[in-house]
Every structure is written in structure tokens, then in C-alpha cells.
Amino acid sequence: MINKIKNYISEHPLAIIICIAVLIIILLSNILENDMETHIEKVSKECASQGYGIKAYYTNQGDKFYKCDKDGDK
């Protein structure tokens, strides 16, 4: 069994590298998604304590972040 695995790895190194890269990308996207959700919850609580909603803003680089919507829906 171990010899079969060793042979597969030696015969298909590119496939192994691609699989590892895909797994790393999936893990990083999950981490970033969790960070964004934590950020939204934090901003939402802060804004709600002041009586405001939240609004999405974008930086010049296209990054999305949230702040209190003090102006309302104008």
C-alpha cells in the first residue's frame, strides 16, 4: 500500500502540488470569510449601540469594509 502511494506521488507530482494549492486557497478563503464576519458583527454591535445601521464602503483598491451609516438612506 505504501509503495503504491510512493509510486503515485513520484509519477504525479504536479497533480499533488495542484491539490495542495487548491486546499491552501480554500483554507485561506475560509479564514478571510470568518474574519469578515467577525468584523461585521463587531461593527454592527457598535453601530446598534449608537442607534445606527451599517453600510458597506469600498477603498480605492476595491477592498470592502463596513462603517456606521450615520447619514441614513440618503
Protein backbone atom coordinates (compact mmCIF):
# COMPACT_ATOMS: atom_id res chain seq x y z
CA MET A 1 0.00 0.00 0.00
CA ILE A 2 2.76 2.46 0.92
CA ASN A 3 4.63 1.58 -2.27
CA LYS A 4 1.52 2.40 -4.32
CA ILE A 5 1.31 5.81 -2.66
CA LYS A 6 5.03 6.46 -3.21
CA ASN A 7 4.71 5.46 -6.86
CA TYR A 8 1.66 7.71 -7.36
CA ILE A 9 3.43 10.67 -5.78
CA SER A 10 6.57 10.15 -7.86
CA GLU A 11 4.55 9.71 -11.06
CA HIS A 12 2.16 12.65 -10.48
CA PRO A 13 3.99 15.43 -8.63
CA LEU A 14 2.16 18.22 -10.48
CA ALA A 15 -1.25 16.81 -9.52
CA ILE A 16 -0.18 16.65 -5.87
CA ILE A 17 1.09 20.25 -5.97
CA ILE A 18 -2.15 21.47 -7.57
CA CYS A 19 -4.26 19.66 -4.95
CA ILE A 20 -2.23 21.17 -2.12
CA ALA A 21 -2.51 24.65 -3.67
CA VAL A 22 -6.29 24.31 -4.00
CA LEU A 23 -6.58 23.20 -0.37
CA ILE A 24 -4.49 26.18 0.77
CA ILE A 25 -6.68 28.59 -1.23
CA ILE A 26 -9.84 27.09 0.27
CA LEU A 27 -8.42 27.37 3.79
CA LEU A 28 -7.36 30.98 3.27
CA SER A 29 -10.75 31.96 1.86
CA ASN A 30 -12.47 30.38 4.89
CA ILE A 31 -10.18 32.28 7.26
CA LEU A 32 -10.85 35.57 5.45
CA GLU A 33 -14.59 34.89 5.43
CA ASN A 34 -14.57 34.28 9.19
CA ASP A 35 -12.57 37.47 9.76
CA MET A 36 -15.05 39.47 7.69
CA GLU A 37 -18.00 38.02 9.57
CA THR A 38 -16.34 38.87 12.89
CA HIS A 39 -15.70 42.41 11.63
CA ILE A 40 -19.34 42.80 10.53
CA GLU A 41 -20.61 41.59 13.91
CA LYS A 42 -18.30 43.98 15.78
CA VAL A 43 -19.27 46.99 13.65
CA SER A 44 -22.94 46.04 13.82
CA LYS A 45 -22.88 45.94 17.63
CA GLU A 46 -21.02 49.25 17.85
CA CYS A 47 -23.40 50.95 15.44
CA ALA A 48 -26.52 49.47 17.04
CA SER A 49 -25.43 50.78 20.44
CA GLN A 50 -25.37 54.27 18.89
CA GLY A 51 -28.67 53.77 17.05
CA TYR A 52 -27.19 53.48 13.55
CA GLY A 53 -27.20 50.79 10.89
CA ILE A 54 -24.15 49.67 8.97
CA LYS A 55 -23.11 50.42 5.42
CA ALA A 56 -20.51 48.87 3.12
CA TYR A 57 -17.75 51.12 1.80
CA TYR A 58 -15.02 50.38 -0.72
CA THR A 59 -11.43 51.60 -0.75
CA ASN A 60 -9.67 52.79 -3.91
CA GLN A 61 -8.14 49.32 -4.18
CA GLY A 62 -11.60 47.72 -4.11
CA ASP A 63 -11.46 46.36 -0.56
CA LYS A 64 -14.81 46.24 1.20
CA PHE A 65 -15.31 47.33 4.79
CA TYR A 66 -18.22 48.39 6.97
CA LYS A 67 -18.88 51.54 8.96
CA CYS A 68 -21.82 53.06 10.78
CA ASP A 69 -24.40 54.58 8.45
CA LYS A 70 -24.78 57.89 10.26
CA ASP A 71 -26.37 59.59 7.25
CA GLY A 72 -29.20 57.08 6.91
CA ASP A 73 -30.55 56.17 3.48
CA LYS A 74 -29.93 59.37 1.54
